[in-house]
Amino acid sequence: MEYCLPLKRQTNRKHKNMDKHKHTESHETSTLAEDASALMAATADLAGEKVAEARERLASALEKAREIAARLRDKAVETAKATDKAVHKHPYKAVAIGFGVGMLIGVFIARRSSRNSD
C-alpha cells in the first residue's frame, strides 16, 4: 500500500495537466469562434450578394469547426481515460511496451544518423 500513494499523486497530477490542456484548447477554440462571430457582426450592415454568401460560408464553417472540435475533444478524453485504465491495470506490461518502443525508435535514429554520416 505504501507504493500506491505516489502513483495516486502522479495520476492526480496527470489529470490536472490534461484538464489544463483541455482548458487551453477550449479557450483557443472559443476565441476563434468569438473572432469569427465578431467578423460576421461587423459585416452585417454591408450589402451585397457576395458578402452575404461569404457570411453564410463562414457561419457554416464555424459550426462545422465547433462540431469537429467537440468530437475531437471527446475522443481525446475517452482515449486518455482508456489508456490510463490500461496502464493502471497492467503497469509492467505498459513499462515493457514503452521500453520496447523506445528501443525501436533509438535503433531507427541510430541507423539513420549512421547512414547520414557515411
N, C-alpha and C. Protein backbone atom coordinates (compact mmCIF):
# COMPACT_ATOMS: atom_id res chain seq x y z
N MET A 1 0.81 -1.19 0.00
CA MET A 1 0.00 0.00 0.00
C MET A 1 0.86 1.26 0.00
N GLU A 2 2.07 1.13 0.51
CA GLU A 2 2.98 2.25 0.60
C GLU A 2 3.36 2.78 -0.78
N TYR A 3 3.45 1.88 -1.76
CA TYR A 3 3.87 2.27 -3.11
C TYR A 3 2.72 2.87 -3.91
N CYS A 4 1.50 2.70 -3.50
CA CYS A 4 0.35 3.21 -4.23
C CYS A 4 0.16 4.71 -4.07
N LEU A 5 0.59 5.27 -2.95
CA LEU A 5 0.37 6.68 -2.71
C LEU A 5 1.05 7.57 -3.76
N PRO A 6 2.32 7.37 -4.09
CA PRO A 6 2.92 8.20 -5.13
C PRO A 6 2.22 8.03 -6.48
N LEU A 7 1.75 6.82 -6.77
CA LEU A 7 1.06 6.58 -8.03
C LEU A 7 -0.23 7.39 -8.09
N LYS A 8 -0.94 7.46 -6.97
CA LYS A 8 -2.17 8.26 -6.93
C LYS A 8 -1.86 9.73 -7.13
N ARG A 9 -0.79 10.20 -6.50
CA ARG A 9 -0.41 11.60 -6.67
C ARG A 9 -0.04 11.88 -8.11
N GLN A 10 0.68 10.96 -8.71
CA GLN A 10 1.06 11.11 -10.12
C GLN A 10 -0.18 11.15 -11.00
N THR A 11 -1.13 10.27 -10.75
CA THR A 11 -2.35 10.22 -11.53
C THR A 11 -3.12 11.52 -11.39
N ASN A 12 -3.23 12.04 -10.19
CA ASN A 12 -3.92 13.31 -9.97
C ASN A 12 -3.23 14.44 -10.73
N ARG A 13 -1.90 14.43 -10.73
CA ARG A 13 -1.13 15.44 -11.45
C ARG A 13 -1.38 15.34 -12.95
N LYS A 14 -1.45 14.11 -13.47
CA LYS A 14 -1.71 13.91 -14.90
C LYS A 14 -3.09 14.43 -15.27
N HIS A 15 -4.08 14.15 -14.41
CA HIS A 15 -5.43 14.62 -14.68
C HIS A 15 -5.49 16.15 -14.68
N LYS A 16 -4.75 16.77 -13.76
CA LYS A 16 -4.72 18.23 -13.72
C LYS A 16 -4.08 18.78 -14.99
N ASN A 17 -2.98 18.15 -15.46
CA ASN A 17 -2.34 18.60 -16.69
C ASN A 17 -3.26 18.43 -17.88
N MET A 18 -3.98 17.29 -17.93
CA MET A 18 -4.90 17.04 -19.03
C MET A 18 -6.01 18.09 -19.01
N ASP A 19 -6.51 18.42 -17.83
CA ASP A 19 -7.55 19.43 -17.71
C ASP A 19 -7.03 20.80 -18.14
N LYS A 20 -5.76 21.09 -17.81
CA LYS A 20 -5.16 22.37 -18.19
C LYS A 20 -5.06 22.48 -19.71
N HIS A 21 -4.61 21.40 -20.37
CA HIS A 21 -4.51 21.41 -21.83
C HIS A 21 -5.90 21.52 -22.46
N LYS A 22 -6.86 20.82 -21.89
CA LYS A 22 -8.22 20.87 -22.41
C LYS A 22 -8.77 22.28 -22.27
N HIS A 23 -8.48 22.94 -21.15
CA HIS A 23 -8.95 24.30 -20.93
C HIS A 23 -8.31 25.26 -21.93
N THR A 24 -7.00 25.12 -22.17
CA THR A 24 -6.29 25.98 -23.13
C THR A 24 -6.86 25.80 -24.52
N GLU A 25 -7.06 24.54 -24.92
CA GLU A 25 -7.63 24.25 -26.23
C GLU A 25 -9.02 24.84 -26.36
N SER A 26 -9.82 24.68 -25.34
CA SER A 26 -11.18 25.20 -25.33
C SER A 26 -11.17 26.72 -25.44
N HIS A 27 -10.23 27.36 -24.73
CA HIS A 27 -10.12 28.81 -24.78
C HIS A 27 -9.76 29.29 -26.18
N GLU A 28 -8.79 28.62 -26.82
CA GLU A 28 -8.38 29.00 -28.17
C GLU A 28 -9.53 28.82 -29.16
N THR A 29 -10.27 27.73 -29.02
CA THR A 29 -11.41 27.48 -29.91
C THR A 29 -12.48 28.54 -29.70
N SER A 30 -12.75 28.87 -28.45
CA SER A 30 -13.78 29.89 -28.20
C SER A 30 -13.33 31.26 -28.68
N THR A 31 -12.04 31.56 -28.58
CA THR A 31 -11.52 32.82 -29.10
C THR A 31 -11.69 32.89 -30.60
N LEU A 32 -11.41 31.81 -31.30
CA LEU A 32 -11.59 31.77 -32.75
C LEU A 32 -13.06 31.96 -33.09
N ALA A 33 -13.93 31.29 -32.36
CA ALA A 33 -15.37 31.43 -32.60
C ALA A 33 -15.83 32.86 -32.35
N GLU A 34 -15.33 33.48 -31.29
CA GLU A 34 -15.69 34.87 -31.00
C GLU A 34 -15.21 35.81 -32.10
N ASP A 35 -13.99 35.59 -32.59
CA ASP A 35 -13.45 36.42 -33.66
C ASP A 35 -14.29 36.28 -34.93
N ALA A 36 -14.66 35.05 -35.26
CA ALA A 36 -15.49 34.82 -36.45
C ALA A 36 -16.86 35.46 -36.27
N SER A 37 -17.43 35.36 -35.09
CA SER A 37 -18.73 35.98 -34.83
C SER A 37 -18.63 37.50 -34.91
N ALA A 38 -17.52 38.04 -34.41
CA ALA A 38 -17.31 39.49 -34.49
C ALA A 38 -17.17 39.94 -35.94
N LEU A 39 -16.50 39.15 -36.75
CA LEU A 39 -16.37 39.46 -38.17
C LEU A 39 -17.74 39.44 -38.84
N MET A 40 -18.54 38.45 -38.49
CA MET A 40 -19.88 38.37 -39.07
C MET A 40 -20.72 39.58 -38.64
N ALA A 41 -20.60 39.99 -37.38
CA ALA A 41 -21.35 41.15 -36.89
C ALA A 41 -20.87 42.43 -37.57
N ALA A 42 -19.58 42.54 -37.79
CA ALA A 42 -19.02 43.74 -38.41
C ALA A 42 -19.45 43.88 -39.87
N THR A 43 -19.70 42.77 -40.52
CA THR A 43 -20.11 42.82 -41.92
C THR A 43 -21.62 42.71 -42.10
N ALA A 44 -22.36 42.74 -41.00
CA ALA A 44 -23.82 42.57 -41.06
C ALA A 44 -24.49 43.69 -41.85
N ASP A 45 -23.97 44.91 -41.73
CA ASP A 45 -24.61 46.04 -42.41
C ASP A 45 -24.14 46.22 -43.86
N LEU A 46 -23.17 45.44 -44.28
CA LEU A 46 -22.70 45.53 -45.65
C LEU A 46 -23.68 44.80 -46.56
N ALA A 47 -23.99 45.45 -47.64
CA ALA A 47 -24.92 44.86 -48.59
C ALA A 47 -24.12 44.17 -49.69
N GLY A 48 -24.78 43.31 -50.36
CA GLY A 48 -24.14 42.66 -51.49
C GLY A 48 -24.29 41.16 -51.42
N GLU A 49 -24.44 40.61 -52.59
CA GLU A 49 -24.65 39.17 -52.70
C GLU A 49 -23.42 38.39 -52.26
N LYS A 50 -22.24 38.87 -52.65
CA LYS A 50 -21.00 38.17 -52.31
C LYS A 50 -20.73 38.22 -50.81
N VAL A 51 -21.02 39.32 -50.17
CA VAL A 51 -20.81 39.45 -48.73
C VAL A 51 -21.74 38.50 -47.99
N ALA A 52 -22.99 38.45 -48.41
CA ALA A 52 -23.96 37.56 -47.77
C ALA A 52 -23.54 36.10 -47.94
N GLU A 53 -23.07 35.78 -49.13
CA GLU A 53 -22.61 34.40 -49.39
C GLU A 53 -21.39 34.06 -48.54
N ALA A 54 -20.47 34.99 -48.42
CA ALA A 54 -19.28 34.77 -47.60
C ALA A 54 -19.65 34.61 -46.13
N ARG A 55 -20.61 35.39 -45.66
CA ARG A 55 -21.06 35.28 -44.28
C ARG A 55 -21.70 33.91 -44.03
N GLU A 56 -22.48 33.44 -44.97
CA GLU A 56 -23.12 32.12 -44.84
C GLU A 56 -22.06 31.01 -44.79
N ARG A 57 -21.07 31.12 -45.66
CA ARG A 57 -20.00 30.11 -45.67
C ARG A 57 -19.21 30.15 -44.37
N LEU A 58 -18.94 31.35 -43.86
CA LEU A 58 -18.22 31.48 -42.59
C LEU A 58 -19.03 30.88 -41.45
N ALA A 59 -20.32 31.16 -41.43
CA ALA A 59 -21.17 30.62 -40.37
C ALA A 59 -21.20 29.10 -40.44
N SER A 60 -21.29 28.56 -41.63
CA SER A 60 -21.31 27.10 -41.81
C SER A 60 -19.97 26.48 -41.39
N ALA A 61 -18.89 27.10 -41.82
CA ALA A 61 -17.56 26.59 -41.47
C ALA A 61 -17.33 26.68 -39.95
N LEU A 62 -17.81 27.73 -39.34
CA LEU A 62 -17.66 27.90 -37.90
C LEU A 62 -18.42 26.82 -37.15
N GLU A 63 -19.63 26.53 -37.59
CA GLU A 63 -20.42 25.48 -36.95
C GLU A 63 -19.76 24.11 -37.12
N LYS A 64 -19.26 23.83 -38.32
CA LYS A 64 -18.56 22.55 -38.55
C LYS A 64 -17.32 22.45 -37.68
N ALA A 65 -16.57 23.55 -37.55
CA ALA A 65 -15.36 23.54 -36.73
C ALA A 65 -15.70 23.28 -35.27
N ARG A 66 -16.78 23.86 -34.79
CA ARG A 66 -17.20 23.61 -33.41
C ARG A 66 -17.56 22.14 -33.20
N GLU A 67 -18.27 21.56 -34.15
CA GLU A 67 -18.65 20.15 -34.04
C GLU A 67 -17.43 19.25 -34.05
N ILE A 68 -16.50 19.52 -34.96
CA ILE A 68 -15.28 18.71 -35.07
C ILE A 68 -14.44 18.85 -33.80
N ALA A 69 -14.31 20.07 -33.29
CA ALA A 69 -13.53 20.29 -32.07
C ALA A 69 -14.14 19.54 -30.89
N ALA A 70 -15.46 19.56 -30.81
CA ALA A 70 -16.13 18.85 -29.71
C ALA A 70 -15.92 17.35 -29.82
N ARG A 71 -16.03 16.81 -31.05
CA ARG A 71 -15.81 15.37 -31.24
C ARG A 71 -14.37 14.99 -30.94
N LEU A 72 -13.42 15.79 -31.39
CA LEU A 72 -12.00 15.50 -31.13
C LEU A 72 -11.70 15.56 -29.63
N ARG A 73 -12.25 16.55 -28.96
CA ARG A 73 -12.03 16.68 -27.53
C ARG A 73 -12.61 15.47 -26.79
N ASP A 74 -13.82 15.08 -27.15
CA ASP A 74 -14.45 13.92 -26.51
C ASP A 74 -13.65 12.65 -26.77
N LYS A 75 -13.18 12.48 -28.00
CA LYS A 75 -12.40 11.29 -28.36
C LYS A 75 -11.06 11.28 -27.62
N ALA A 76 -10.42 12.44 -27.52
CA ALA A 76 -9.14 12.51 -26.82
C ALA A 76 -9.30 12.18 -25.34
N VAL A 77 -10.34 12.70 -24.72
CA VAL A 77 -10.59 12.41 -23.31
C VAL A 77 -10.89 10.92 -23.13
N GLU A 78 -11.70 10.38 -24.01
CA GLU A 78 -12.04 8.95 -23.95
C GLU A 78 -10.79 8.08 -24.10
N THR A 79 -9.94 8.42 -25.04
CA THR A 79 -8.71 7.67 -25.28
C THR A 79 -7.76 7.79 -24.09
N ALA A 80 -7.64 8.98 -23.54
CA ALA A 80 -6.75 9.19 -22.39
C ALA A 80 -7.23 8.38 -21.18
N LYS A 81 -8.53 8.36 -20.97
CA LYS A 81 -9.08 7.60 -19.84
C LYS A 81 -8.85 6.10 -20.04
N ALA A 82 -9.06 5.62 -21.28
CA ALA A 82 -8.85 4.20 -21.57
C ALA A 82 -7.38 3.82 -21.39
N THR A 83 -6.48 4.68 -21.85
CA THR A 83 -5.05 4.43 -21.69
C THR A 83 -4.66 4.42 -20.22
N ASP A 84 -5.19 5.37 -19.47
CA ASP A 84 -4.90 5.44 -18.04
C ASP A 84 -5.37 4.17 -17.33
N LYS A 85 -6.55 3.69 -17.66
CA LYS A 85 -7.07 2.46 -17.05
C LYS A 85 -6.19 1.26 -17.43
N ALA A 86 -5.80 1.18 -18.70
CA ALA A 86 -4.98 0.06 -19.15
C ALA A 86 -3.62 0.06 -18.46
N VAL A 87 -3.03 1.22 -18.32
CA VAL A 87 -1.72 1.31 -17.67
C VAL A 87 -1.84 0.94 -16.19
N HIS A 88 -2.90 1.37 -15.55
CA HIS A 88 -3.08 1.01 -14.15
C HIS A 88 -3.41 -0.46 -13.97
N LYS A 89 -4.08 -1.04 -14.94
CA LYS A 89 -4.44 -2.45 -14.86
C LYS A 89 -3.23 -3.34 -15.12
N HIS A 90 -2.38 -2.93 -16.06
CA HIS A 90 -1.20 -3.73 -16.45
C HIS A 90 0.04 -2.84 -16.46
N PRO A 91 0.53 -2.43 -15.29
CA PRO A 91 1.65 -1.49 -15.26
C PRO A 91 2.96 -2.06 -15.82
N TYR A 92 3.25 -3.33 -15.54
CA TYR A 92 4.51 -3.90 -16.02
C TYR A 92 4.49 -4.08 -17.54
N LYS A 93 3.35 -4.45 -18.05
CA LYS A 93 3.21 -4.59 -19.50
C LYS A 93 3.39 -3.22 -20.17
N ALA A 94 2.80 -2.18 -19.56
CA ALA A 94 2.93 -0.83 -20.11
C ALA A 94 4.38 -0.37 -20.12
N VAL A 95 5.10 -0.66 -19.04
CA VAL A 95 6.52 -0.29 -18.97
C VAL A 95 7.31 -1.06 -20.04
N ALA A 96 7.01 -2.34 -20.20
CA ALA A 96 7.72 -3.15 -21.19
C ALA A 96 7.45 -2.63 -22.60
N ILE A 97 6.21 -2.30 -22.89
CA ILE A 97 5.87 -1.77 -24.22
C ILE A 97 6.57 -0.44 -24.45
N GLY A 98 6.55 0.43 -23.44
CA GLY A 98 7.24 1.72 -23.56
C GLY A 98 8.72 1.54 -23.79
N PHE A 99 9.32 0.60 -23.07
CA PHE A 99 10.74 0.32 -23.25
C PHE A 99 11.02 -0.19 -24.67
N GLY A 100 10.18 -1.11 -25.14
CA GLY A 100 10.36 -1.67 -26.48
C GLY A 100 10.23 -0.62 -27.57
N VAL A 101 9.22 0.22 -27.44
CA VAL A 101 9.02 1.28 -28.44
C VAL A 101 10.20 2.25 -28.40
N GLY A 102 10.67 2.58 -27.20
CA GLY A 102 11.83 3.46 -27.07
C GLY A 102 13.07 2.87 -27.70
N MET A 103 13.26 1.57 -27.51
CA MET A 103 14.40 0.89 -28.12
C MET A 103 14.31 0.93 -29.65
N LEU A 104 13.14 0.64 -30.19
CA LEU A 104 12.96 0.68 -31.64
C LEU A 104 13.24 2.07 -32.20
N ILE A 105 12.71 3.08 -31.55
CA ILE A 105 12.96 4.45 -32.00
C ILE A 105 14.45 4.76 -31.93
N GLY A 106 15.11 4.33 -30.86
CA GLY A 106 16.55 4.54 -30.74
C GLY A 106 17.34 3.86 -31.83
N VAL A 107 16.95 2.63 -32.17
CA VAL A 107 17.63 1.89 -33.24
C VAL A 107 17.45 2.60 -34.57
N PHE A 108 16.22 3.03 -34.86
CA PHE A 108 15.96 3.72 -36.13
C PHE A 108 16.72 5.03 -36.22
N ILE A 109 16.78 5.76 -35.14
CA ILE A 109 17.52 7.03 -35.14
C ILE A 109 19.01 6.77 -35.33
N ALA A 110 19.53 5.75 -34.65
CA ALA A 110 20.95 5.42 -34.78
C ALA A 110 21.28 5.00 -36.20
N ARG A 111 20.41 4.20 -36.81
CA ARG A 111 20.65 3.76 -38.20
C ARG A 111 20.61 4.95 -39.14
N ARG A 112 19.66 5.81 -38.93
CA ARG A 112 19.52 6.98 -39.82
C ARG A 112 20.74 7.89 -39.70
N SER A 113 21.18 8.13 -38.48
CA SER A 113 22.33 9.02 -38.29
C SER A 113 23.61 8.38 -38.81
N SER A 114 23.73 7.05 -38.73
CA SER A 114 24.93 6.40 -39.25
C SER A 114 24.93 6.43 -40.78
N ARG A 115 23.76 6.35 -41.39
CA ARG A 115 23.67 6.46 -42.86
C ARG A 115 24.01 7.85 -43.32
N ASN A 116 23.55 8.86 -42.60
CA ASN A 116 23.79 10.24 -42.97
C ASN A 116 25.25 10.63 -42.82
N SER A 117 25.96 10.01 -41.90
CA SER A 117 27.35 10.37 -41.69
C SER A 117 28.29 9.67 -42.69
N ASP A 118 27.76 8.65 -43.39
CA ASP A 118 28.60 7.95 -44.37
C ASP A 118 28.72 8.67 -45.67
